[in-house]
Amino acid sequence: MNIKPKQLSKDPLNLIITGVGGQGNVIIALIVGNALVRKGYLVTIGETYGLSQRGGPVMSHLRISADSQYSPFIPDGHAHIILGMEPVETLRMLSQYGNPDVITIFNPRPIYSIDVTSGSATYPKIEQARESIKSLSSKTWIVNATEEAQKMGNPIFANMILIGALLQTGVLPLDRESVETAIQEMFPKEVETNLAALNKGMELVAS
């Protein structure tokens, strides 16, 4: 049975998920995309990879529509939502794809590249990066996903915490049921822990 989706405030609704290799960026894109398809939306996903195996940048573009299929990549300056797993990568996406109306949700924990750890490059001060992100966004949620994931025993749960935060903000036409089903399909043997991380992300935004 075909599901008729609700009309969107912007069509296509453009979401960028950004981070570095190994953070689980692609998993977020797949779960969010699958959940949106369950709601009847047409979703196109485009992905770019830097030196992802070495902690290089990874970016997923999701273009969400009620009735049309769009090209996979978002034009510069046309992101509506940016979900950042790392602050400098979030800032980089805002500088290229942001606009005065963009909404940003990001994890403030930095990941230092080899160039930074070797001393050949300098990482911006965290507080400065946070303030820059806020100034470039119409609305900002800071979600301490890595910190909370470590409390759960594994930093990889940060990606699921960020999905929960994204869900709780209400910026996407998603509900808990569709996201939960997508998680169950992707992680059938680890449903309980992943749903606990999803709940934690929702709590962090609701509090």
N, C-alpha and C. Protein backbone atom coordinates (compact mmCIF):
# COMPACT_ATOMS: atom_id res chain seq x y z
N MET A 1 0.85 -1.19 0.00
CA MET A 1 0.00 0.00 0.00
C MET A 1 0.89 1.24 0.00
N ASN A 2 0.62 2.15 -0.93
CA ASN A 2 1.38 3.39 -1.01
C ASN A 2 0.98 4.34 0.11
N ILE A 3 1.97 4.95 0.73
CA ILE A 3 1.72 5.93 1.79
C ILE A 3 1.84 7.32 1.19
N LYS A 4 0.81 8.14 1.40
CA LYS A 4 0.87 9.52 0.90
C LYS A 4 1.54 10.38 1.96
N PRO A 5 2.72 10.92 1.65
CA PRO A 5 3.44 11.71 2.67
C PRO A 5 2.84 13.10 2.81
N LYS A 6 3.10 13.70 3.96
CA LYS A 6 2.69 15.09 4.17
C LYS A 6 3.57 16.01 3.34
N GLN A 7 2.99 17.11 2.91
CA GLN A 7 3.78 18.10 2.19
C GLN A 7 4.84 18.71 3.10
N LEU A 8 5.97 19.04 2.53
CA LEU A 8 7.07 19.60 3.29
C LEU A 8 7.06 21.12 3.21
N SER A 9 7.60 21.76 4.23
CA SER A 9 7.70 23.22 4.21
C SER A 9 8.64 23.68 3.10
N LYS A 10 9.65 22.85 2.79
CA LYS A 10 10.55 23.08 1.67
C LYS A 10 10.68 21.76 0.91
N ASP A 11 10.55 21.82 -0.39
CA ASP A 11 10.61 20.60 -1.21
C ASP A 11 11.48 20.86 -2.43
N PRO A 12 12.68 20.26 -2.50
CA PRO A 12 13.17 19.25 -1.58
C PRO A 12 13.68 19.85 -0.27
N LEU A 13 13.63 19.03 0.77
CA LEU A 13 14.22 19.38 2.06
C LEU A 13 15.63 18.79 2.04
N ASN A 14 16.62 19.64 2.22
CA ASN A 14 18.02 19.24 2.02
C ASN A 14 18.76 19.06 3.35
N LEU A 15 19.24 17.86 3.58
CA LEU A 15 19.97 17.52 4.81
C LEU A 15 21.38 17.08 4.46
N ILE A 16 22.35 17.65 5.16
CA ILE A 16 23.74 17.20 5.03
C ILE A 16 24.17 16.57 6.35
N ILE A 17 24.75 15.37 6.26
CA ILE A 17 25.34 14.70 7.42
C ILE A 17 26.84 14.69 7.19
N THR A 18 27.59 15.24 8.11
CA THR A 18 29.03 15.37 7.89
C THR A 18 29.83 14.90 9.10
N GLY A 19 30.99 14.34 8.81
CA GLY A 19 31.87 13.88 9.87
C GLY A 19 33.19 13.45 9.26
N VAL A 20 33.89 12.57 9.94
CA VAL A 20 35.14 12.02 9.41
C VAL A 20 35.03 10.51 9.38
N GLY A 21 35.91 9.90 8.62
CA GLY A 21 35.87 8.45 8.45
C GLY A 21 35.90 7.70 9.77
N GLY A 22 35.02 6.72 9.89
CA GLY A 22 34.97 5.89 11.08
C GLY A 22 33.94 6.31 12.11
N GLN A 23 33.29 7.45 11.91
CA GLN A 23 32.30 7.92 12.88
C GLN A 23 30.90 7.32 12.66
N GLY A 24 30.67 6.73 11.53
CA GLY A 24 29.35 6.16 11.28
C GLY A 24 28.42 7.07 10.51
N ASN A 25 29.00 7.99 9.76
CA ASN A 25 28.23 8.94 8.97
C ASN A 25 27.26 8.24 8.01
N VAL A 26 27.76 7.23 7.31
CA VAL A 26 26.95 6.53 6.30
C VAL A 26 25.79 5.78 6.96
N ILE A 27 26.01 5.24 8.15
CA ILE A 27 24.94 4.53 8.86
C ILE A 27 23.80 5.49 9.19
N ILE A 28 24.14 6.70 9.63
CA ILE A 28 23.10 7.69 9.90
C ILE A 28 22.28 7.96 8.65
N ALA A 29 22.97 8.16 7.53
CA ALA A 29 22.28 8.46 6.27
C ALA A 29 21.34 7.33 5.88
N LEU A 30 21.79 6.09 6.02
CA LEU A 30 20.96 4.94 5.64
C LEU A 30 19.74 4.80 6.54
N ILE A 31 19.92 4.96 7.85
CA ILE A 31 18.80 4.81 8.77
C ILE A 31 17.78 5.92 8.57
N VAL A 32 18.26 7.16 8.48
CA VAL A 32 17.35 8.29 8.28
C VAL A 32 16.65 8.17 6.93
N GLY A 33 17.41 7.81 5.90
CA GLY A 33 16.81 7.65 4.57
C GLY A 33 15.76 6.56 4.55
N ASN A 34 16.06 5.41 5.14
CA ASN A 34 15.09 4.31 5.17
C ASN A 34 13.83 4.69 5.95
N ALA A 35 14.01 5.39 7.06
CA ALA A 35 12.86 5.81 7.87
C ALA A 35 11.97 6.77 7.08
N LEU A 36 12.58 7.69 6.33
CA LEU A 36 11.80 8.63 5.52
C LEU A 36 11.05 7.93 4.40
N VAL A 37 11.69 6.95 3.78
CA VAL A 37 11.01 6.17 2.73
C VAL A 37 9.80 5.46 3.31
N ARG A 38 9.91 4.96 4.53
CA ARG A 38 8.77 4.32 5.20
C ARG A 38 7.60 5.28 5.38
N LYS A 39 7.93 6.56 5.50
CA LYS A 39 6.88 7.57 5.64
C LYS A 39 6.31 8.01 4.29
N GLY A 40 6.83 7.43 3.22
CA GLY A 40 6.30 7.71 1.89
C GLY A 40 7.06 8.75 1.10
N TYR A 41 8.20 9.24 1.63
CA TYR A 41 8.95 10.28 0.93
C TYR A 41 9.92 9.67 -0.08
N LEU A 42 10.23 10.45 -1.08
CA LEU A 42 11.27 10.10 -2.03
C LEU A 42 12.58 10.69 -1.52
N VAL A 43 13.58 9.85 -1.40
CA VAL A 43 14.86 10.27 -0.82
C VAL A 43 16.00 9.90 -1.77
N THR A 44 16.81 10.89 -2.08
CA THR A 44 18.02 10.65 -2.87
C THR A 44 19.22 10.91 -1.97
N ILE A 45 20.16 9.97 -1.96
CA ILE A 45 21.34 10.10 -1.12
C ILE A 45 22.58 10.17 -2.00
N GLY A 46 23.38 11.20 -1.78
CA GLY A 46 24.67 11.32 -2.45
C GLY A 46 25.76 11.37 -1.39
N GLU A 47 26.86 10.67 -1.63
CA GLU A 47 27.92 10.60 -0.63
C GLU A 47 29.27 10.95 -1.24
N THR A 48 30.07 11.64 -0.47
CA THR A 48 31.44 11.93 -0.87
C THR A 48 32.38 11.49 0.24
N TYR A 49 33.53 10.99 -0.15
CA TYR A 49 34.51 10.49 0.81
C TYR A 49 35.85 11.14 0.54
N GLY A 50 36.47 11.64 1.61
CA GLY A 50 37.85 12.08 1.50
C GLY A 50 38.72 10.88 1.79
N LEU A 51 39.80 11.10 2.53
CA LEU A 51 40.62 9.96 2.96
C LEU A 51 39.96 9.33 4.17
N SER A 52 38.79 8.72 3.93
CA SER A 52 37.94 8.28 5.04
C SER A 52 38.61 7.23 5.92
N GLN A 53 39.48 6.41 5.33
CA GLN A 53 40.15 5.40 6.15
C GLN A 53 41.19 6.02 7.07
N ARG A 54 41.53 7.27 6.81
CA ARG A 54 42.53 7.95 7.64
C ARG A 54 41.91 9.09 8.44
N GLY A 55 40.62 9.04 8.65
CA GLY A 55 39.97 10.11 9.38
C GLY A 55 39.69 11.32 8.54
N GLY A 56 39.62 11.14 7.23
CA GLY A 56 39.30 12.24 6.34
C GLY A 56 37.81 12.54 6.33
N PRO A 57 37.41 13.62 5.69
CA PRO A 57 36.00 14.03 5.71
C PRO A 57 35.09 13.06 4.95
N VAL A 58 33.90 12.86 5.50
CA VAL A 58 32.85 12.07 4.86
C VAL A 58 31.58 12.91 4.92
N MET A 59 30.85 12.94 3.81
CA MET A 59 29.66 13.77 3.75
C MET A 59 28.56 13.04 3.00
N SER A 60 27.34 13.07 3.56
CA SER A 60 26.17 12.51 2.90
C SER A 60 25.15 13.61 2.66
N HIS A 61 24.64 13.67 1.44
CA HIS A 61 23.56 14.60 1.09
C HIS A 61 22.26 13.81 0.99
N LEU A 62 21.24 14.24 1.71
CA LEU A 62 19.91 13.65 1.59
C LEU A 62 18.96 14.71 1.07
N ARG A 63 18.29 14.40 -0.04
CA ARG A 63 17.31 15.32 -0.62
C ARG A 63 15.95 14.63 -0.52
N ILE A 64 15.06 15.26 0.23
CA ILE A 64 13.80 14.63 0.63
C ILE A 64 12.65 15.38 -0.04
N SER A 65 11.76 14.61 -0.69
CA SER A 65 10.64 15.24 -1.39
C SER A 65 9.37 14.42 -1.21
N ALA A 66 8.23 15.11 -1.26
CA ALA A 66 6.94 14.43 -1.17
C ALA A 66 6.52 13.84 -2.51
N ASP A 67 7.06 14.36 -3.61
CA ASP A 67 6.55 13.88 -4.90
C ASP A 67 7.56 13.86 -6.05
N SER A 68 8.82 14.23 -5.82
CA SER A 68 9.79 14.25 -6.92
C SER A 68 11.11 13.64 -6.49
N GLN A 69 11.84 13.11 -7.48
CA GLN A 69 13.18 12.59 -7.23
C GLN A 69 14.18 13.63 -7.70
N TYR A 70 15.05 14.07 -6.82
CA TYR A 70 16.00 15.11 -7.16
C TYR A 70 17.40 14.54 -7.35
N SER A 71 18.26 15.32 -7.99
CA SER A 71 19.66 14.92 -8.14
C SER A 71 20.29 14.77 -6.76
N PRO A 72 21.31 13.92 -6.63
CA PRO A 72 21.78 13.56 -5.29
C PRO A 72 22.54 14.63 -4.52
N PHE A 73 23.09 15.63 -5.21
CA PHE A 73 23.94 16.56 -4.49
C PHE A 73 23.29 17.94 -4.35
N ILE A 74 23.38 18.47 -3.15
CA ILE A 74 22.77 19.75 -2.80
C ILE A 74 23.63 20.89 -3.35
N PRO A 75 23.03 21.87 -4.00
CA PRO A 75 23.81 23.01 -4.49
C PRO A 75 24.40 23.83 -3.33
N ASP A 76 25.51 24.47 -3.57
CA ASP A 76 26.11 25.34 -2.56
C ASP A 76 25.08 26.35 -2.05
N GLY A 77 25.07 26.54 -0.73
CA GLY A 77 24.18 27.53 -0.12
C GLY A 77 22.74 27.08 0.04
N HIS A 78 22.45 25.79 -0.21
CA HIS A 78 21.05 25.34 -0.19
C HIS A 78 20.77 24.22 0.82
N ALA A 79 21.60 24.07 1.83
CA ALA A 79 21.28 23.11 2.89
C ALA A 79 20.23 23.71 3.81
N HIS A 80 19.28 22.90 4.23
CA HIS A 80 18.28 23.33 5.22
C HIS A 80 18.65 22.85 6.62
N ILE A 81 19.28 21.67 6.68
CA ILE A 81 19.67 21.08 7.96
C ILE A 81 21.07 20.50 7.81
N ILE A 82 21.94 20.76 8.77
CA ILE A 82 23.26 20.13 8.80
C ILE A 82 23.40 19.38 10.12
N LEU A 83 23.67 18.09 10.00
CA LEU A 83 23.93 17.24 11.17
C LEU A 83 25.42 16.95 11.18
N GLY A 84 26.13 17.52 12.15
CA GLY A 84 27.58 17.40 12.17
C GLY A 84 28.07 16.48 13.28
N MET A 85 28.93 15.56 12.91
CA MET A 85 29.50 14.64 13.89
C MET A 85 30.82 15.15 14.46
N GLU A 86 31.34 16.23 13.86
CA GLU A 86 32.64 16.79 14.27
C GLU A 86 32.58 18.29 14.02
N PRO A 87 33.05 19.12 14.95
CA PRO A 87 32.80 20.57 14.84
C PRO A 87 33.44 21.27 13.64
N VAL A 88 34.70 20.96 13.33
CA VAL A 88 35.34 21.65 12.20
C VAL A 88 34.70 21.24 10.88
N GLU A 89 34.34 19.96 10.75
CA GLU A 89 33.65 19.52 9.54
C GLU A 89 32.27 20.18 9.43
N THR A 90 31.61 20.36 10.57
CA THR A 90 30.33 21.07 10.58
C THR A 90 30.51 22.50 10.09
N LEU A 91 31.53 23.16 10.60
CA LEU A 91 31.81 24.54 10.20
C LEU A 91 32.15 24.63 8.72
N ARG A 92 32.88 23.66 8.24
CA ARG A 92 33.25 23.64 6.82
C ARG A 92 32.01 23.51 5.94
N MET A 93 31.07 22.65 6.34
CA MET A 93 29.84 22.49 5.57
C MET A 93 28.98 23.75 5.61
N LEU A 94 28.95 24.39 6.76
CA LEU A 94 28.18 25.63 6.87
C LEU A 94 28.73 26.71 5.94
N SER A 95 30.06 26.78 5.83
CA SER A 95 30.65 27.81 4.98
C SER A 95 30.33 27.58 3.51
N GLN A 96 30.12 26.32 3.13
CA GLN A 96 29.85 26.02 1.72
C GLN A 96 28.36 25.91 1.42
N TYR A 97 27.61 25.27 2.30
CA TYR A 97 26.21 24.95 2.00
C TYR A 97 25.21 25.73 2.85
N GLY A 98 25.71 26.51 3.81
CA GLY A 98 24.82 27.22 4.72
C GLY A 98 24.15 28.42 4.07
N ASN A 99 23.20 28.96 4.80
CA ASN A 99 22.44 30.15 4.42
C ASN A 99 21.81 30.69 5.69
N PRO A 100 21.18 31.86 5.67
CA PRO A 100 20.65 32.43 6.91
C PRO A 100 19.59 31.58 7.61
N ASP A 101 18.96 30.62 6.90
CA ASP A 101 17.90 29.82 7.49
C ASP A 101 18.33 28.42 7.92
N VAL A 102 19.59 28.08 7.73
CA VAL A 102 20.01 26.71 7.99
C VAL A 102 19.94 26.38 9.49
N ILE A 103 19.55 25.14 9.78
CA ILE A 103 19.48 24.62 11.15
C ILE A 103 20.63 23.64 11.33
N THR A 104 21.33 23.73 12.46
CA THR A 104 22.50 22.88 12.68
C THR A 104 22.39 22.11 13.99
N ILE A 105 22.70 20.83 13.91
CA ILE A 105 22.78 19.95 15.08
C ILE A 105 24.18 19.35 15.04
N PHE A 106 24.97 19.50 16.11
CA PHE A 106 26.33 18.98 15.99
C PHE A 106 26.89 18.47 17.31
N ASN A 107 27.82 17.53 17.14
CA ASN A 107 28.58 16.94 18.23
C ASN A 107 29.86 17.76 18.41
N PRO A 108 30.10 18.34 19.60
CA PRO A 108 31.23 19.25 19.77
C PRO A 108 32.58 18.58 19.99
N ARG A 109 32.63 17.25 20.03
CA ARG A 109 33.91 16.58 20.29
C ARG A 109 34.79 16.60 19.04
N PRO A 110 36.00 17.19 19.11
CA PRO A 110 36.87 17.25 17.93
C PRO A 110 37.56 15.93 17.65
N ILE A 111 37.88 15.73 16.39
CA ILE A 111 38.75 14.62 15.97
C ILE A 111 39.92 15.26 15.23
N TYR A 112 41.11 15.03 15.72
CA TYR A 112 42.28 15.69 15.17
C TYR A 112 42.89 14.86 14.04
N SER A 113 43.16 15.52 12.93
CA SER A 113 43.76 14.85 11.78
C SER A 113 45.24 14.56 12.07
N ILE A 114 45.83 13.77 11.18
CA ILE A 114 47.25 13.45 11.31
C ILE A 114 48.09 14.72 11.22
N ASP A 115 47.66 15.65 10.36
CA ASP A 115 48.40 16.91 10.21
C ASP A 115 48.41 17.69 11.52
N VAL A 116 47.30 17.67 12.24
CA VAL A 116 47.22 18.40 13.51
C VAL A 116 48.08 17.72 14.57
N THR A 117 47.95 16.40 14.68
CA THR A 117 48.71 15.69 15.71
C THR A 117 50.21 15.73 15.46
N SER A 118 50.59 15.87 14.18
CA SER A 118 52.03 15.94 13.85
C SER A 118 52.58 17.36 13.99
N GLY A 119 51.67 18.34 14.16
CA GLY A 119 52.09 19.71 14.33
C GLY A 119 52.19 20.53 13.06
N SER A 120 51.85 19.93 11.92
CA SER A 120 51.95 20.66 10.65
C SER A 120 50.70 21.49 10.35
N ALA A 121 49.65 21.31 11.14
CA ALA A 121 48.44 22.11 10.99
C ALA A 121 47.89 22.43 12.37
N THR A 122 47.05 23.44 12.44
CA THR A 122 46.49 23.87 13.72
C THR A 122 44.98 23.69 13.72
N TYR A 123 44.47 23.11 14.79
CA TYR A 123 43.02 22.94 14.93
C TYR A 123 42.46 24.19 15.61
N PRO A 124 41.35 24.73 15.12
CA PRO A 124 40.78 25.93 15.75
C PRO A 124 40.40 25.67 17.21
N LYS A 125 40.37 26.71 18.01
CA LYS A 125 39.90 26.56 19.38
C LYS A 125 38.44 26.12 19.37
N ILE A 126 38.12 25.16 20.25
CA ILE A 126 36.78 24.57 20.23
C ILE A 126 35.70 25.61 20.49
N GLU A 127 35.93 26.47 21.45
CA GLU A 127 34.92 27.47 21.77
C GLU A 127 34.70 28.41 20.58
N GLN A 128 35.77 28.74 19.91
CA GLN A 128 35.67 29.61 18.73
C GLN A 128 34.87 28.92 17.62
N ALA A 129 35.12 27.62 17.42
CA ALA A 129 34.38 26.86 16.40
C ALA A 129 32.90 26.79 16.75
N ARG A 130 32.61 26.56 18.02
CA ARG A 130 31.20 26.49 18.45
C ARG A 130 30.48 27.80 18.20
N GLU A 131 31.13 28.90 18.55
CA GLU A 131 30.49 30.20 18.37
C GLU A 131 30.31 30.53 16.89
N SER A 132 31.27 30.12 16.07
CA SER A 132 31.15 30.35 14.63
C SER A 132 29.98 29.56 14.06
N ILE A 133 29.81 28.33 14.51
CA ILE A 133 28.69 27.50 14.04
C ILE A 133 27.37 28.15 14.42
N LYS A 134 27.28 28.62 15.66
CA LYS A 134 26.05 29.29 16.10
C LYS A 134 25.75 30.53 15.27
N SER A 135 26.79 31.30 14.98
CA SER A 135 26.58 32.56 14.26
C SER A 135 26.15 32.33 12.81
N LEU A 136 26.49 31.16 12.27
CA LEU A 136 26.15 30.85 10.88
C LEU A 136 24.84 30.09 10.73
N SER A 137 24.17 29.82 11.86
CA SER A 137 22.94 29.01 11.84
C SER A 137 21.77 29.81 12.39
N SER A 138 20.60 29.55 11.87
CA SER A 138 19.41 30.21 12.41
C SER A 138 19.01 29.58 13.73
N LYS A 139 19.31 28.29 13.90
CA LYS A 139 19.04 27.58 15.16
C LYS A 139 20.09 26.50 15.31
N THR A 140 20.56 26.29 16.53
CA THR A 140 21.63 25.34 16.77
C THR A 140 21.33 24.47 17.98
N TRP A 141 21.56 23.17 17.83
CA TRP A 141 21.54 22.25 18.97
C TRP A 141 22.93 21.65 19.11
N ILE A 142 23.51 21.76 20.30
CA ILE A 142 24.80 21.14 20.58
C ILE A 142 24.52 19.86 21.37
N VAL A 143 24.93 18.72 20.81
CA VAL A 143 24.62 17.41 21.40
C VAL A 143 25.92 16.70 21.73
N ASN A 144 26.17 16.48 23.01
CA ASN A 144 27.42 15.83 23.44
C ASN A 144 27.35 14.32 23.21
N ALA A 145 27.31 13.96 21.93
CA ALA A 145 27.07 12.57 21.56
C ALA A 145 28.23 11.65 21.94
N THR A 146 29.45 12.07 21.67
CA THR A 146 30.60 11.20 21.98
C THR A 146 30.71 10.98 23.49
N GLU A 147 30.55 12.04 24.24
CA GLU A 147 30.63 11.94 25.71
C GLU A 147 29.59 10.96 26.25
N GLU A 148 28.37 11.06 25.76
CA GLU A 148 27.31 10.17 26.24
C GLU A 148 27.52 8.74 25.75
N ALA A 149 28.04 8.59 24.54
CA ALA A 149 28.32 7.25 24.01
C ALA A 149 29.40 6.56 24.83
N GLN A 150 30.41 7.30 25.25
CA GLN A 150 31.46 6.73 26.09
C GLN A 150 30.90 6.25 27.42
N LYS A 151 29.92 6.97 27.95
CA LYS A 151 29.27 6.54 29.19
C LYS A 151 28.53 5.23 28.98
N MET A 152 28.07 4.99 27.75
CA MET A 152 27.38 3.75 27.42
C MET A 152 28.35 2.61 27.14
N GLY A 153 29.65 2.95 27.07
CA GLY A 153 30.65 1.90 26.91
C GLY A 153 31.27 1.80 25.53
N ASN A 154 30.79 2.61 24.55
CA ASN A 154 31.35 2.52 23.21
C ASN A 154 31.08 3.82 22.45
N PRO A 155 32.14 4.54 22.04
CA PRO A 155 31.94 5.82 21.36
C PRO A 155 31.20 5.71 20.03
N ILE A 156 31.11 4.51 19.46
CA ILE A 156 30.42 4.35 18.18
C ILE A 156 28.93 4.64 18.31
N PHE A 157 28.39 4.57 19.53
CA PHE A 157 26.96 4.88 19.73
C PHE A 157 26.65 6.35 19.52
N ALA A 158 27.68 7.17 19.33
CA ALA A 158 27.45 8.59 19.07
C ALA A 158 26.56 8.80 17.86
N ASN A 159 26.72 7.94 16.83
CA ASN A 159 25.90 8.14 15.64
C ASN A 159 24.41 7.91 15.94
N MET A 160 24.11 6.92 16.75
CA MET A 160 22.72 6.66 17.10
C MET A 160 22.15 7.75 18.01
N ILE A 161 22.99 8.28 18.89
CA ILE A 161 22.57 9.39 19.74
C ILE A 161 22.21 10.60 18.89
N LEU A 162 23.00 10.85 17.85
CA LEU A 162 22.71 11.98 16.97
C LEU A 162 21.42 11.77 16.17
N ILE A 163 21.14 10.52 15.81
CA ILE A 163 19.85 10.24 15.14
C ILE A 163 18.70 10.57 16.09
N GLY A 164 18.85 10.17 17.35
CA GLY A 164 17.81 10.49 18.33
C GLY A 164 17.62 11.98 18.50
N ALA A 165 18.73 12.72 18.52
CA ALA A 165 18.66 14.18 18.62
C ALA A 165 17.95 14.77 17.41
N LEU A 166 18.32 14.29 16.23
CA LEU A 166 17.70 14.76 14.99
C LEU A 166 16.19 14.50 15.01
N LEU A 167 15.81 13.32 15.46
CA LEU A 167 14.39 12.96 15.55
C LEU A 167 13.66 13.89 16.51
N GLN A 168 14.25 14.15 17.66
CA GLN A 168 13.59 14.93 18.71
C GLN A 168 13.41 16.40 18.32
N THR A 169 14.31 16.93 17.51
CA THR A 169 14.19 18.34 17.13
C THR A 169 12.93 18.60 16.29
N GLY A 170 12.46 17.57 15.58
CA GLY A 170 11.28 17.74 14.74
C GLY A 170 11.56 18.44 13.42
N VAL A 171 12.82 18.57 13.04
CA VAL A 171 13.14 19.27 11.78
C VAL A 171 12.91 18.39 10.56
N LEU A 172 12.77 17.08 10.78
CA LEU A 172 12.45 16.16 9.69
C LEU A 172 11.07 15.55 9.93
N PRO A 173 10.37 15.15 8.87
CA PRO A 173 9.04 14.55 9.02
C PRO A 173 9.14 13.07 9.42
N LEU A 174 9.72 12.82 10.59
CA LEU A 174 9.95 11.47 11.08
C LEU A 174 9.20 11.22 12.38
N ASP A 175 8.93 9.95 12.64
CA ASP A 175 8.41 9.58 13.95
C ASP A 175 9.26 8.44 14.52
N ARG A 176 9.08 8.19 15.79
CA ARG A 176 9.90 7.19 16.48
C ARG A 176 9.73 5.80 15.84
N GLU A 177 8.53 5.45 15.47
CA GLU A 177 8.26 4.10 14.95
C GLU A 177 9.05 3.81 13.67
N SER A 178 9.07 4.77 12.74
CA SER A 178 9.77 4.53 11.47
C SER A 178 11.28 4.42 11.69
N VAL A 179 11.82 5.25 12.58
CA VAL A 179 13.26 5.19 12.87
C VAL A 179 13.61 3.88 13.58
N GLU A 180 12.80 3.49 14.52
CA GLU A 180 13.04 2.25 15.26
C GLU A 180 13.02 1.04 14.32
N THR A 181 12.09 1.01 13.39
CA THR A 181 12.01 -0.10 12.44
C THR A 181 13.26 -0.15 11.58
N ALA A 182 13.73 1.00 11.12
CA ALA A 182 14.95 1.06 10.31
C ALA A 182 16.15 0.55 11.10
N ILE A 183 16.23 0.88 12.38
CA ILE A 183 17.33 0.40 13.23
C ILE A 183 17.25 -1.11 13.42
N GLN A 184 16.05 -1.61 13.65
CA GLN A 184 15.88 -3.05 13.84
C GLN A 184 16.30 -3.84 12.61
N GLU A 185 16.02 -3.30 11.44
CA GLU A 185 16.41 -3.98 10.21
C GLU A 185 17.92 -3.96 9.99
N MET A 186 18.57 -2.87 10.35
CA MET A 186 20.00 -2.75 10.13
C MET A 186 20.82 -3.47 11.20
N PHE A 187 20.32 -3.45 12.45
CA PHE A 187 21.06 -4.07 13.56
C PHE A 187 20.18 -5.07 14.32
N PRO A 188 19.77 -6.14 13.67
CA PRO A 188 18.84 -7.09 14.31
C PRO A 188 19.38 -7.73 15.59
N LYS A 189 20.70 -7.82 15.73
CA LYS A 189 21.29 -8.47 16.90
C LYS A 189 21.68 -7.46 17.99
N GLU A 190 21.55 -6.18 17.68
CA GLU A 190 21.97 -5.15 18.65
C GLU A 190 20.88 -4.09 18.81
N VAL A 191 19.64 -4.53 18.75
CA VAL A 191 18.52 -3.59 18.78
C VAL A 191 18.47 -2.84 20.11
N GLU A 192 18.60 -3.56 21.21
CA GLU A 192 18.40 -2.96 22.53
C GLU A 192 19.38 -1.82 22.80
N THR A 193 20.67 -2.07 22.54
CA THR A 193 21.68 -1.04 22.83
C THR A 193 21.53 0.16 21.89
N ASN A 194 21.22 -0.11 20.65
CA ASN A 194 21.05 1.00 19.70
C ASN A 194 19.82 1.83 20.02
N LEU A 195 18.75 1.20 20.47
CA LEU A 195 17.56 1.96 20.85
C LEU A 195 17.81 2.75 22.13
N ALA A 196 18.65 2.21 23.01
CA ALA A 196 19.01 2.96 24.22
C ALA A 196 19.77 4.23 23.84
N ALA A 197 20.66 4.12 22.85
CA ALA A 197 21.40 5.29 22.38
C ALA A 197 20.46 6.28 21.69
N LEU A 198 19.51 5.78 20.92
CA LEU A 198 18.51 6.64 20.29
C LEU A 198 17.74 7.42 21.36
N ASN A 199 17.31 6.73 22.40
CA ASN A 199 16.60 7.38 23.50
C ASN A 199 17.43 8.47 24.16
N LYS A 200 18.71 8.18 24.33
CA LYS A 200 19.59 9.16 24.97
C LYS A 200 19.69 10.44 24.14
N GLY A 201 19.80 10.29 22.83
CA GLY A 201 19.83 11.46 21.96
C GLY A 201 18.56 12.28 22.05
N MET A 202 17.42 11.60 22.11
CA MET A 202 16.15 12.29 22.25
C MET A 202 16.08 13.04 23.57
N GLU A 203 16.58 12.41 24.62
CA GLU A 203 16.57 13.04 25.95
C GLU A 203 17.44 14.29 25.97
N LEU A 204 18.59 14.24 25.31
CA LEU A 204 19.52 15.37 25.33
C LEU A 204 18.91 16.61 24.70
N VAL A 205 18.07 16.43 23.68
CA VAL A 205 17.42 17.57 23.03
C VAL A 205 16.18 17.99 23.82
N ALA A 206 15.48 17.03 24.40
CA ALA A 206 14.24 17.34 25.13
C ALA A 206 14.51 18.05 26.44
N SER A 207 15.69 17.81 27.03
CA SER A 207 15.98 18.38 28.35
C SER A 207 16.29 19.85 28.30
